[in-house]
Amino acid sequence: MPNSLQCNMAVFIYRCPTTRRNVQGWFAEEVPANDGEPYETVKCLACKQVHLISRLTGKALGTEGE
């Protein structure tokens, strides 16, 4: 019986603004190219805080270039 629950995960690397370390994260679905500049909350594995990450660039809000 095929699994009807399929999940597409978009994996990305971002720089934690607190520790300045590179951290791997993931979104539950792919990002549409014409979706503007949406941000999503991500619990950081490096500092255990929540950051706003751009779904298009993979950069944390408040870091260089944001």
PDB file of N, CA and C in Angstrom:
ATOM      1  N   MET A   1       0.846  -1.173   0.000  1.00  0.00           N
ATOM      2  CA  MET A   1       0.000   0.000   0.000  1.00  0.00           C
ATOM      3  C   MET A   1       0.896   1.243   0.000  1.00  0.00           C
ATOM      4  N   PRO A   2       0.768   2.136  -0.985  1.00  0.00           N
ATOM      5  CA  PRO A   2       1.606   3.324  -1.042  1.00  0.00           C
ATOM      6  C   PRO A   2       1.249   4.311   0.063  1.00  0.00           C
ATOM      7  N   ASN A   3       2.253   5.016   0.509  1.00  0.00           N
ATOM      8  CA  ASN A   3       2.062   6.010   1.552  1.00  0.00           C
ATOM      9  C   ASN A   3       1.464   7.272   0.943  1.00  0.00           C
ATOM     10  N   SER A   4       0.273   7.667   1.385  1.00  0.00           N
ATOM     11  CA  SER A   4      -0.383   8.846   0.823  1.00  0.00           C
ATOM     12  C   SER A   4       0.086  10.136   1.506  1.00  0.00           C
ATOM     13  N   LEU A   5       0.833  10.033   2.593  1.00  0.00           N
ATOM     14  CA  LEU A   5       1.354  11.209   3.280  1.00  0.00           C
ATOM     15  C   LEU A   5       2.801  11.429   2.869  1.00  0.00           C
ATOM     16  N   GLN A   6       2.999  12.304   1.912  1.00  0.00           N
ATOM     17  CA  GLN A   6       4.341  12.630   1.464  1.00  0.00           C
ATOM     18  C   GLN A   6       4.647  14.055   1.872  1.00  0.00           C
ATOM     19  N   CYS A   7       5.848  14.264   2.354  1.00  0.00           N
ATOM     20  CA  CYS A   7       6.240  15.595   2.808  1.00  0.00           C
ATOM     21  C   CYS A   7       7.494  16.019   2.061  1.00  0.00           C
ATOM     22  N   ASN A   8       7.426  17.161   1.397  1.00  0.00           N
ATOM     23  CA  ASN A   8       8.596  17.713   0.733  1.00  0.00           C
ATOM     24  C   ASN A   8       9.254  18.689   1.692  1.00  0.00           C
ATOM     25  N   MET A   9      10.532  18.446   1.976  1.00  0.00           N
ATOM     26  CA  MET A   9      11.265  19.295   2.897  1.00  0.00           C
ATOM     27  C   MET A   9      12.300  20.099   2.128  1.00  0.00           C
ATOM     28  N   ALA A  10      12.293  21.402   2.334  1.00  0.00           N
ATOM     29  CA  ALA A  10      13.306  22.277   1.761  1.00  0.00           C
ATOM     30  C   ALA A  10      14.374  22.505   2.830  1.00  0.00           C
ATOM     31  N   VAL A  11      15.569  21.991   2.609  1.00  0.00           N
ATOM     32  CA  VAL A  11      16.669  22.109   3.565  1.00  0.00           C
ATOM     33  C   VAL A  11      17.507  23.331   3.208  1.00  0.00           C
ATOM     34  N   PHE A  12      17.978  24.064   4.223  1.00  0.00           N
ATOM     35  CA  PHE A  12      18.789  25.260   3.994  1.00  0.00           C
ATOM     36  C   PHE A  12      19.781  25.428   5.132  1.00  0.00           C
ATOM     37  N   ILE A  13      20.796  26.238   4.898  1.00  0.00           N
ATOM     38  CA  ILE A  13      21.786  26.598   5.909  1.00  0.00           C
ATOM     39  C   ILE A  13      21.670  28.105   6.148  1.00  0.00           C
ATOM     40  N   TYR A  14      21.623  28.519   7.402  1.00  0.00           N
ATOM     41  CA  TYR A  14      21.596  29.939   7.728  1.00  0.00           C
ATOM     42  C   TYR A  14      22.609  30.213   8.834  1.00  0.00           C
ATOM     43  N   ARG A  15      22.964  31.486   8.991  1.00  0.00           N
ATOM     44  CA  ARG A  15      23.894  31.882  10.050  1.00  0.00           C
ATOM     45  C   ARG A  15      23.090  32.398  11.238  1.00  0.00           C
ATOM     46  N   CYS A  16      23.285  31.764  12.388  1.00  0.00           N
ATOM     47  CA  CYS A  16      22.605  32.181  13.611  1.00  0.00           C
ATOM     48  C   CYS A  16      23.105  33.572  13.996  1.00  0.00           C
ATOM     49  N   PRO A  17      22.192  34.553  14.159  1.00  0.00           N
ATOM     50  CA  PRO A  17      22.627  35.894  14.517  1.00  0.00           C
ATOM     51  C   PRO A  17      23.191  35.989  15.936  1.00  0.00           C
ATOM     52  N   THR A  18      22.899  35.026  16.798  1.00  0.00           N
ATOM     53  CA  THR A  18      23.382  35.039  18.173  1.00  0.00           C
ATOM     54  C   THR A  18      24.777  34.437  18.288  1.00  0.00           C
ATOM     55  N   THR A  19      24.958  33.226  17.731  1.00  0.00           N
ATOM     56  CA  THR A  19      26.239  32.518  17.872  1.00  0.00           C
ATOM     57  C   THR A  19      27.163  32.716  16.675  1.00  0.00           C
ATOM     58  N   ARG A  20      26.622  33.235  15.564  1.00  0.00           N
ATOM     59  CA  ARG A  20      27.357  33.412  14.295  1.00  0.00           C
ATOM     60  C   ARG A  20      27.800  32.079  13.697  1.00  0.00           C
ATOM     61  N   ARG A  21      27.197  30.984  14.092  1.00  0.00           N
ATOM     62  CA  ARG A  21      27.515  29.666  13.541  1.00  0.00           C
ATOM     63  C   ARG A  21      26.534  29.336  12.419  1.00  0.00           C
ATOM     64  N   ASN A  22      26.986  28.522  11.462  1.00  0.00           N
ATOM     65  CA  ASN A  22      26.091  28.031  10.415  1.00  0.00           C
ATOM     66  C   ASN A  22      25.225  26.919  10.994  1.00  0.00           C
ATOM     67  N   VAL A  23      23.933  26.994  10.705  1.00  0.00           N
ATOM     68  CA  VAL A  23      22.960  26.050  11.251  1.00  0.00           C
ATOM     69  C   VAL A  23      22.104  25.515  10.116  1.00  0.00           C
ATOM     70  N   GLN A  24      21.824  24.225  10.157  1.00  0.00           N
ATOM     71  CA  GLN A  24      20.940  23.625   9.155  1.00  0.00           C
ATOM     72  C   GLN A  24      19.507  23.728   9.641  1.00  0.00           C
ATOM     73  N   GLY A  25      18.611  24.078   8.729  1.00  0.00           N
ATOM     74  CA  GLY A  25      17.194  24.143   9.035  1.00  0.00           C
ATOM     75  C   GLY A  25      16.402  23.561   7.886  1.00  0.00           C
ATOM     76  N   TRP A  26      15.102  23.523   8.028  1.00  0.00           N
ATOM     77  CA  TRP A  26      14.252  22.998   6.962  1.00  0.00           C
ATOM     78  C   TRP A  26      12.869  23.611   7.051  1.00  0.00           C
ATOM     79  N   PHE A  27      12.239  23.729   5.882  1.00  0.00           N
ATOM     80  CA  PHE A  27      10.855  24.167   5.764  1.00  0.00           C
ATOM     81  C   PHE A  27      10.035  22.965   5.334  1.00  0.00           C
ATOM     82  N   ALA A  28       8.769  22.966   5.680  1.00  0.00           N
ATOM     83  CA  ALA A  28       7.898  21.830   5.393  1.00  0.00           C
ATOM     84  C   ALA A  28       7.542  21.698   3.922  1.00  0.00           C
ATOM     85  N   GLU A  29       7.736  22.726   3.117  1.00  0.00           N
ATOM     86  CA  GLU A  29       7.378  22.646   1.702  1.00  0.00           C
ATOM     87  C   GLU A  29       8.298  23.533   0.883  1.00  0.00           C
ATOM     88  N   GLU A  30       8.307  23.318  -0.416  1.00  0.00           N
ATOM     89  CA  GLU A  30       9.133  24.127  -1.306  1.00  0.00           C
ATOM     90  C   GLU A  30       8.602  25.554  -1.380  1.00  0.00           C
ATOM     91  N   VAL A  31       9.486  26.497  -1.694  1.00  0.00           N
ATOM     92  CA  VAL A  31       9.125  27.907  -1.769  1.00  0.00           C
ATOM     93  C   VAL A  31       8.782  28.285  -3.200  1.00  0.00           C
ATOM     94  N   PRO A  32       7.574  28.804  -3.456  1.00  0.00           N
ATOM     95  CA  PRO A  32       7.252  29.278  -4.803  1.00  0.00           C
ATOM     96  C   PRO A  32       8.115  30.493  -5.152  1.00  0.00           C
ATOM     97  N   ALA A  33       8.553  30.597  -6.392  1.00  0.00           N
ATOM     98  CA  ALA A  33       9.447  31.671  -6.826  1.00  0.00           C
ATOM     99  C   ALA A  33       8.770  33.038  -6.774  1.00  0.00           C
ATOM    100  N   ASN A  34       7.464  33.100  -6.926  1.00  0.00           N
ATOM    101  CA  ASN A  34       6.765  34.384  -6.964  1.00  0.00           C
ATOM    102  C   ASN A  34       6.073  34.709  -5.633  1.00  0.00           C
ATOM    103  N   ASP A  35       6.588  34.212  -4.544  1.00  0.00           N
ATOM    104  CA  ASP A  35       5.947  34.344  -3.239  1.00  0.00           C
ATOM    105  C   ASP A  35       6.390  35.583  -2.459  1.00  0.00           C
ATOM    106  N   GLY A  36       7.059  36.526  -3.113  1.00  0.00           N
ATOM    107  CA  GLY A  36       7.510  37.726  -2.414  1.00  0.00           C
ATOM    108  C   GLY A  36       8.692  37.425  -1.510  1.00  0.00           C
ATOM    109  N   GLU A  37       8.667  37.961  -0.297  1.00  0.00           N
ATOM    110  CA  GLU A  37       9.756  37.752   0.668  1.00  0.00           C
ATOM    111  C   GLU A  37       9.165  37.301   2.007  1.00  0.00           C
ATOM    112  N   PRO A  38       8.582  36.114   2.052  1.00  0.00           N
ATOM    113  CA  PRO A  38       7.990  35.657   3.305  1.00  0.00           C
ATOM    114  C   PRO A  38       9.062  35.179   4.289  1.00  0.00           C
ATOM    115  N   TYR A  39       8.809  35.362   5.551  1.00  0.00           N
ATOM    116  CA  TYR A  39       9.692  34.860   6.602  1.00  0.00           C
ATOM    117  C   TYR A  39       8.959  33.797   7.394  1.00  0.00           C
ATOM    118  N   GLU A  40       9.712  32.868   7.918  1.00  0.00           N
ATOM    119  CA  GLU A  40       9.132  31.804   8.715  1.00  0.00           C
ATOM    120  C   GLU A  40       9.931  31.658  10.000  1.00  0.00           C
ATOM    121  N   THR A  41       9.236  31.350  11.100  1.00  0.00           N
ATOM    122  CA  THR A  41       9.943  31.149  12.364  1.00  0.00           C
ATOM    123  C   THR A  41      10.612  29.785  12.365  1.00  0.00           C
ATOM    124  N   VAL A  42      11.851  29.767  12.847  1.00  0.00           N
ATOM    125  CA  VAL A  42      12.637  28.538  12.923  1.00  0.00           C
ATOM    126  C   VAL A  42      13.304  28.502  14.290  1.00  0.00           C
ATOM    127  N   LYS A  43      13.168  27.388  15.011  1.00  0.00           N
ATOM    128  CA  LYS A  43      13.872  27.239  16.286  1.00  0.00           C
ATOM    129  C   LYS A  43      15.310  26.850  15.985  1.00  0.00           C
ATOM    130  N   CYS A  44      16.234  27.668  16.437  1.00  0.00           N
ATOM    131  CA  CYS A  44      17.648  27.507  16.135  1.00  0.00           C
ATOM    132  C   CYS A  44      18.248  26.363  16.954  1.00  0.00           C
ATOM    133  N   LEU A  45      18.949  25.471  16.297  1.00  0.00           N
ATOM    134  CA  LEU A  45      19.596  24.355  16.972  1.00  0.00           C
ATOM    135  C   LEU A  45      20.868  24.785  17.696  1.00  0.00           C
ATOM    136  N   ALA A  46      21.420  25.952  17.344  1.00  0.00           N
ATOM    137  CA  ALA A  46      22.659  26.417  17.965  1.00  0.00           C
ATOM    138  C   ALA A  46      22.405  27.166  19.272  1.00  0.00           C
ATOM    139  N   CYS A  47      21.399  28.059  19.295  1.00  0.00           N
ATOM    140  CA  CYS A  47      21.178  28.893  20.482  1.00  0.00           C
ATOM    141  C   CYS A  47      19.830  28.640  21.160  1.00  0.00           C
ATOM    142  N   LYS A  48      19.004  27.785  20.561  1.00  0.00           N
ATOM    143  CA  LYS A  48      17.688  27.424  21.108  1.00  0.00           C
ATOM    144  C   LYS A  48      16.681  28.570  21.103  1.00  0.00           C
ATOM    145  N   GLN A  49      16.987  29.668  20.396  1.00  0.00           N
ATOM    146  CA  GLN A  49      16.049  30.771  20.260  1.00  0.00           C
ATOM    147  C   GLN A  49      15.281  30.609  18.954  1.00  0.00           C
ATOM    148  N   VAL A  50      14.293  31.466  18.740  1.00  0.00           N
ATOM    149  CA  VAL A  50      13.525  31.455  17.504  1.00  0.00           C
ATOM    150  C   VAL A  50      13.997  32.612  16.631  1.00  0.00           C
ATOM    151  N   HIS A  51      14.258  32.330  15.346  1.00  0.00           N
ATOM    152  CA  HIS A  51      14.675  33.346  14.390  1.00  0.00           C
ATOM    153  C   HIS A  51      13.677  33.394  13.248  1.00  0.00           C
ATOM    154  N   LEU A  52      13.572  34.556  12.600  1.00  0.00           N
ATOM    155  CA  LEU A  52      12.791  34.692  11.375  1.00  0.00           C
ATOM    156  C   LEU A  52      13.740  34.474  10.210  1.00  0.00           C
ATOM    157  N   ILE A  53      13.454  33.464   9.389  1.00  0.00           N
ATOM    158  CA  ILE A  53      14.302  33.094   8.265  1.00  0.00           C
ATOM    159  C   ILE A  53      13.550  33.358   6.962  1.00  0.00           C
ATOM    160  N   SER A  54      14.226  34.005   6.018  1.00  0.00           N
ATOM    161  CA  SER A  54      13.628  34.257   4.710  1.00  0.00           C
ATOM    162  C   SER A  54      13.504  32.938   3.966  1.00  0.00           C
ATOM    163  N   ARG A  55      12.311  32.662   3.467  1.00  0.00           N
ATOM    164  CA  ARG A  55      12.107  31.424   2.705  1.00  0.00           C
ATOM    165  C   ARG A  55      12.789  31.478   1.344  1.00  0.00           C
ATOM    166  N   LEU A  56      13.084  32.680   0.841  1.00  0.00           N
ATOM    167  CA  LEU A  56      13.733  32.798  -0.465  1.00  0.00           C
ATOM    168  C   LEU A  56      15.250  32.793  -0.371  1.00  0.00           C
ATOM    169  N   THR A  57      15.809  33.511   0.601  1.00  0.00           N
ATOM    170  CA  THR A  57      17.270  33.642   0.684  1.00  0.00           C
ATOM    171  C   THR A  57      17.895  32.703   1.702  1.00  0.00           C
ATOM    172  N   GLY A  58      17.116  32.239   2.681  1.00  0.00           N
ATOM    173  CA  GLY A  58      17.661  31.394   3.738  1.00  0.00           C
ATOM    174  C   GLY A  58      18.436  32.171   4.782  1.00  0.00           C
ATOM    175  N   LYS A  59      18.315  33.508   4.791  1.00  0.00           N
ATOM    176  CA  LYS A  59      19.029  34.343   5.749  1.00  0.00           C
ATOM    177  C   LYS A  59      18.112  34.743   6.897  1.00  0.00           C
ATOM    178  N   ALA A  60      18.709  34.867   8.087  1.00  0.00           N
ATOM    179  CA  ALA A  60      17.945  35.294   9.255  1.00  0.00           C
ATOM    180  C   ALA A  60      17.712  36.801   9.174  1.00  0.00           C
ATOM    181  N   LEU A  61      16.517  37.219   9.590  1.00  0.00           N
ATOM    182  CA  LEU A  61      16.187  38.626   9.628  1.00  0.00           C
ATOM    183  C   LEU A  61      17.109  39.316  10.642  1.00  0.00           C
ATOM    184  N   GLY A  62      17.694  40.443  10.242  1.00  0.00           N
ATOM    185  CA  GLY A  62      18.596  41.165  11.123  1.00  0.00           C
ATOM    186  C   GLY A  62      20.054  40.853  10.899  1.00  0.00           C
ATOM    187  N   THR A  63      20.367  39.916  10.014  1.00  0.00           N
ATOM    188  CA  THR A  63      21.775  39.634   9.706  1.00  0.00           C
ATOM    189  C   THR A  63      22.199  40.499   8.535  1.00  0.00           C
ATOM    190  N   GLU A  64      23.464  40.461   8.199  1.00  0.00           N
ATOM    191  CA  GLU A  64      23.994  41.264   7.089  1.00  0.00           C
ATOM    192  C   GLU A  64      23.171  41.079   5.834  1.00  0.00           C
ATOM    193  N   GLY A  65      22.785  42.204   5.212  1.00  0.00           N
ATOM    194  CA  GLY A  65      22.043  42.147   3.963  1.00  0.00           C
ATOM    195  C   GLY A  65      20.543  42.015   4.132  1.00  0.00           C
ATOM    196  N   GLU A  66      20.038  41.932   5.342  1.00  0.00           N
ATOM    197  CA  GLU A  66      18.593  41.806   5.575  1.00  0.00           C
ATOM    198  C   GLU A  66      18.049  43.096   6.122  1.00  0.00           C
TER     199      GLU A  66
END
